[in-house]
C-alpha atoms as a PDB file:
ATOM      1  CA  MET A   1      -2.180  -3.558  -4.446  1.00  0.00           C
ATOM      2  CA  ASN A   2      -5.271  -3.498  -2.465  1.00  0.00           C
ATOM      3  CA  ARG A   3      -6.633  -0.781  -0.254  1.00  0.00           C
ATOM      4  CA  TYR A   4      -5.911  -2.940   2.818  1.00  0.00           C
ATOM      5  CA  SER A   5      -2.912  -2.939   4.964  1.00  0.00           C
ATOM      6  CA  THR A   6       0.113  -4.232   3.091  1.00  0.00           C
ATOM      7  CA  ALA A   7       1.281  -5.969   6.059  1.00  0.00           C
ATOM      8  CA  GLY A   8       1.000  -9.650   5.773  1.00  0.00           C
ATOM      9  CA  LYS A   9      -0.331 -11.776   3.197  1.00  0.00           C
ATOM     10  CA  LEU A  10      -3.130 -14.401   2.692  1.00  0.00           C
ATOM     11  CA  VAL A  11      -1.848 -17.915   3.530  1.00  0.00           C
ATOM     12  CA  ARG A  12      -3.116 -21.616   3.545  1.00  0.00           C
ATOM     13  CA  ASP A  13      -5.048 -22.284   6.714  1.00  0.00           C
ATOM     14  CA  ARG A  14      -2.511 -24.671   8.017  1.00  0.00           C
ATOM     15  CA  ILE A  15       0.304 -22.366   7.723  1.00  0.00           C
ATOM     16  CA  PRO A  16       0.231 -20.814  11.298  1.00  0.00           C
ATOM     17  CA  GLN A  17       0.256 -24.490  12.819  1.00  0.00           C
ATOM     18  CA  ILE A  18       3.176 -25.469  10.570  1.00  0.00           C
ATOM     19  CA  ILE A  19       5.064 -22.373  11.695  1.00  0.00           C
ATOM     20  CA  ARG A  20       4.143 -23.205  15.425  1.00  0.00           C
ATOM     21  CA  ASP A  21       5.421 -26.788  14.889  1.00  0.00           C
ATOM     22  CA  GLU A  22       8.818 -25.386  13.602  1.00  0.00           C
ATOM     23  CA  GLY A  23       9.197 -23.542  17.017  1.00  0.00           C
ATOM     24  CA  ALA A  24       7.980 -20.056  16.096  1.00  0.00           C
ATOM     25  CA  GLU A  25       4.773 -18.093  16.911  1.00  0.00           C
ATOM     26  CA  PRO A  26       3.052 -16.613  14.003  1.00  0.00           C
ATOM     27  CA  LEU A  27       1.281 -13.332  14.048  1.00  0.00           C
ATOM     28  CA  VAL A  28      -2.056 -13.681  12.231  1.00  0.00           C
ATOM     29  CA  ARG A  29      -5.552 -12.069  12.042  1.00  0.00           C
ATOM     30  CA  THR A  30      -8.666 -13.102  10.072  1.00  0.00           C
ATOM     31  CA  ALA A  31      -9.417 -10.984   7.170  1.00  0.00           C
ATOM     32  CA  GLY A  32     -12.997  -9.463   6.801  1.00  0.00           C
ATOM     33  CA  PRO A  33     -15.131 -10.355   3.591  1.00  0.00           C
ATOM     34  CA  GLU A  34     -14.082  -7.629   1.514  1.00  0.00           C
ATOM     35  CA  GLU A  35     -10.308  -7.901   2.247  1.00  0.00           C
ATOM     36  CA  TYR A  36     -10.527 -11.593   1.887  1.00  0.00           C
ATOM     37  CA  ARG A  37     -11.880 -11.199  -1.606  1.00  0.00           C
ATOM     38  CA  SER A  38      -9.159  -8.589  -2.486  1.00  0.00           C
ATOM     39  CA  ARG A  39      -6.355 -10.723  -1.090  1.00  0.00           C
ATOM     40  CA  LEU A  40      -7.767 -13.822  -2.856  1.00  0.00           C
ATOM     41  CA  ARG A  41      -7.550 -11.964  -6.172  1.00  0.00           C
ATOM     42  CA  GLU A  42      -3.952 -10.761  -5.254  1.00  0.00           C
ATOM     43  CA  LYS A  43      -3.062 -14.387  -4.337  1.00  0.00           C
ATOM     44  CA  LEU A  44      -4.375 -15.535  -7.754  1.00  0.00           C
ATOM     45  CA  GLY A  45      -1.947 -13.203  -9.527  1.00  0.00           C
ATOM     46  CA  GLU A  46       0.979 -14.431  -7.077  1.00  0.00           C
ATOM     47  CA  GLU A  47       0.192 -18.124  -7.902  1.00  0.00           C
ATOM     48  CA  VAL A  48      -0.222 -17.499 -11.705  1.00  0.00           C
ATOM     49  CA  ALA A  49       3.079 -15.687 -11.745  1.00  0.00           C
ATOM     50  CA  GLU A  50       4.749 -18.491  -9.887  1.00  0.00           C
ATOM     51  CA  PHE A  51       3.226 -20.924 -12.323  1.00  0.00           C
ATOM     52  CA  LEU A  52       4.493 -19.015 -15.355  1.00  0.00           C
ATOM     53  CA  ALA A  53       7.950 -18.894 -13.794  1.00  0.00           C
ATOM     54  CA  ALA A  54       8.119 -22.453 -12.759  1.00  0.00           C
ATOM     55  CA  ASP A  55      10.055 -25.049 -14.711  1.00  0.00           C
ATOM     56  CA  GLU A  56       8.378 -28.224 -16.034  1.00  0.00           C
ATOM     57  CA  ALA A  57       9.152 -30.106 -12.727  1.00  0.00           C
ATOM     58  CA  ASP A  58       7.347 -27.618 -10.676  1.00  0.00           C
ATOM     59  CA  ALA A  59       4.647 -26.628 -12.965  1.00  0.00           C
ATOM     60  CA  VAL A  60       2.045 -29.111 -11.824  1.00  0.00           C
ATOM     61  CA  GLU A  61       2.614 -28.037  -8.024  1.00  0.00           C
ATOM     62  CA  GLU A  62       2.125 -24.235  -9.048  1.00  0.00           C
ATOM     63  CA  LEU A  63      -0.965 -25.152 -11.075  1.00  0.00           C
ATOM     64  CA  ALA A  64      -2.539 -27.075  -8.107  1.00  0.00           C
ATOM     65  CA  ASP A  65      -1.862 -23.735  -6.131  1.00  0.00           C
ATOM     66  CA  VAL A  66      -3.806 -21.745  -8.918  1.00  0.00           C
ATOM     67  CA  LEU A  67      -6.596 -24.241  -8.801  1.00  0.00           C
ATOM     68  CA  GLU A  68      -6.940 -23.909  -4.870  1.00  0.00           C
ATOM     69  CA  VAL A  69      -7.119 -20.007  -5.168  1.00  0.00           C
ATOM     70  CA  VAL A  70      -9.640 -20.363  -7.995  1.00  0.00           C
ATOM     71  CA  ARG A  71     -11.893 -22.665  -5.925  1.00  0.00           C
ATOM     72  CA  ALA A  72     -11.640 -20.368  -2.901  1.00  0.00           C
ATOM     73  CA  LEU A  73     -12.779 -17.458  -5.221  1.00  0.00           C
ATOM     74  CA  ALA A  74     -15.608 -19.347  -6.456  1.00  0.00           C
ATOM     75  CA  ALA A  75     -16.666 -20.479  -3.006  1.00  0.00           C
ATOM     76  CA  ASP A  76     -16.448 -16.704  -1.955  1.00  0.00           C
ATOM     77  CA  LEU A  77     -18.720 -15.878  -4.814  1.00  0.00           C
ATOM     78  CA  GLY A  78     -21.119 -18.666  -3.641  1.00  0.00           C
ATOM     79  CA  VAL A  79     -20.230 -21.078  -6.262  1.00  0.00           C
ATOM     80  CA  ALA A  80     -19.595 -24.871  -5.455  1.00  0.00           C
ATOM     81  CA  PRO A  81     -16.753 -26.662  -7.192  1.00  0.00           C
ATOM     82  CA  GLY A  82     -19.437 -28.865  -9.098  1.00  0.00           C
ATOM     83  CA  GLN A  83     -21.281 -25.623 -10.146  1.00  0.00           C
ATOM     84  CA  LEU A  84     -17.978 -24.108 -11.426  1.00  0.00           C
ATOM     85  CA  GLU A  85     -17.114 -27.228 -13.347  1.00  0.00           C
ATOM     86  CA  LYS A  86     -20.602 -27.247 -15.051  1.00  0.00           C
ATOM     87  CA  ILE A  87     -20.196 -23.627 -16.111  1.00  0.00           C
ATOM     88  CA  ARG A  88     -16.707 -24.674 -17.500  1.00  0.00           C
ATOM     89  CA  GLU A  89     -18.267 -27.597 -19.376  1.00  0.00           C
ATOM     90  CA  ALA A  90     -21.030 -25.323 -20.878  1.00  0.00           C
ATOM     91  CA  LYS A  91     -18.423 -22.891 -22.015  1.00  0.00           C
ATOM     92  CA  ALA A  92     -16.450 -25.841 -23.688  1.00  0.00           C
ATOM     93  CA  ARG A  93     -19.478 -27.193 -25.415  1.00  0.00           C
ATOM     94  CA  GLU A  94     -20.408 -23.503 -26.656  1.00  0.00           C
ATOM     95  CA  ARG A  95     -16.917 -22.392 -27.585  1.00  0.00           C
ATOM     96  CA  GLY A  96     -14.641 -25.300 -27.455  1.00  0.00           C
ATOM     97  CA  GLY A  97     -11.637 -25.837 -25.084  1.00  0.00           C
ATOM     98  CA  PHE A  98      -7.983 -25.462 -25.925  1.00  0.00           C
ATOM     99  CA  THR A  99      -7.114 -29.055 -26.871  1.00  0.00           C
ATOM    100  CA  GLU A 100      -6.717 -28.401 -30.622  1.00  0.00           C
ATOM    101  CA  ARG A 101      -4.162 -25.897 -30.070  1.00  0.00           C
ATOM    102  CA  VAL A 102      -5.821 -23.292 -32.406  1.00  0.00           C
ATOM    103  CA  VAL A 103      -3.897 -19.953 -32.654  1.00  0.00           C
ATOM    104  CA  TRP A 104      -5.986 -17.040 -34.229  1.00  0.00           C
ATOM    105  CA  THR A 105      -4.103 -14.616 -36.170  1.00  0.00           C
ATOM    106  CA  GLY A 106      -6.819 -12.293 -37.274  1.00  0.00           C
ATOM    107  CA  ASN A 107      -9.383 -12.178 -40.135  1.00  0.00           C
ATOM    108  CA  ARG A 108      -9.258 -11.513 -43.854  1.00  0.00           C
END
């Protein structure tokens, strides 16, 4: 839990308009910079949990939500999507990716 009010949660930008289009009036406010970063971290945990709980049919949609939050976190840290991808590529070159399905069980 973050140190900010537990009331409300971070939602996608168009959610208030979607609620209005459905005939209700949403109660919203804009988070400050520190709260925004904290709520993005919380949101990442929520989205990862939803992905982990999803069946195969819903997994890709949930994974897209995780990616959206990751991109927002990167932007908040001043990192553009292209720069984030370059960092990912460099780590993959140096340490590899996960395509070979290697499971480490310890050392002798």
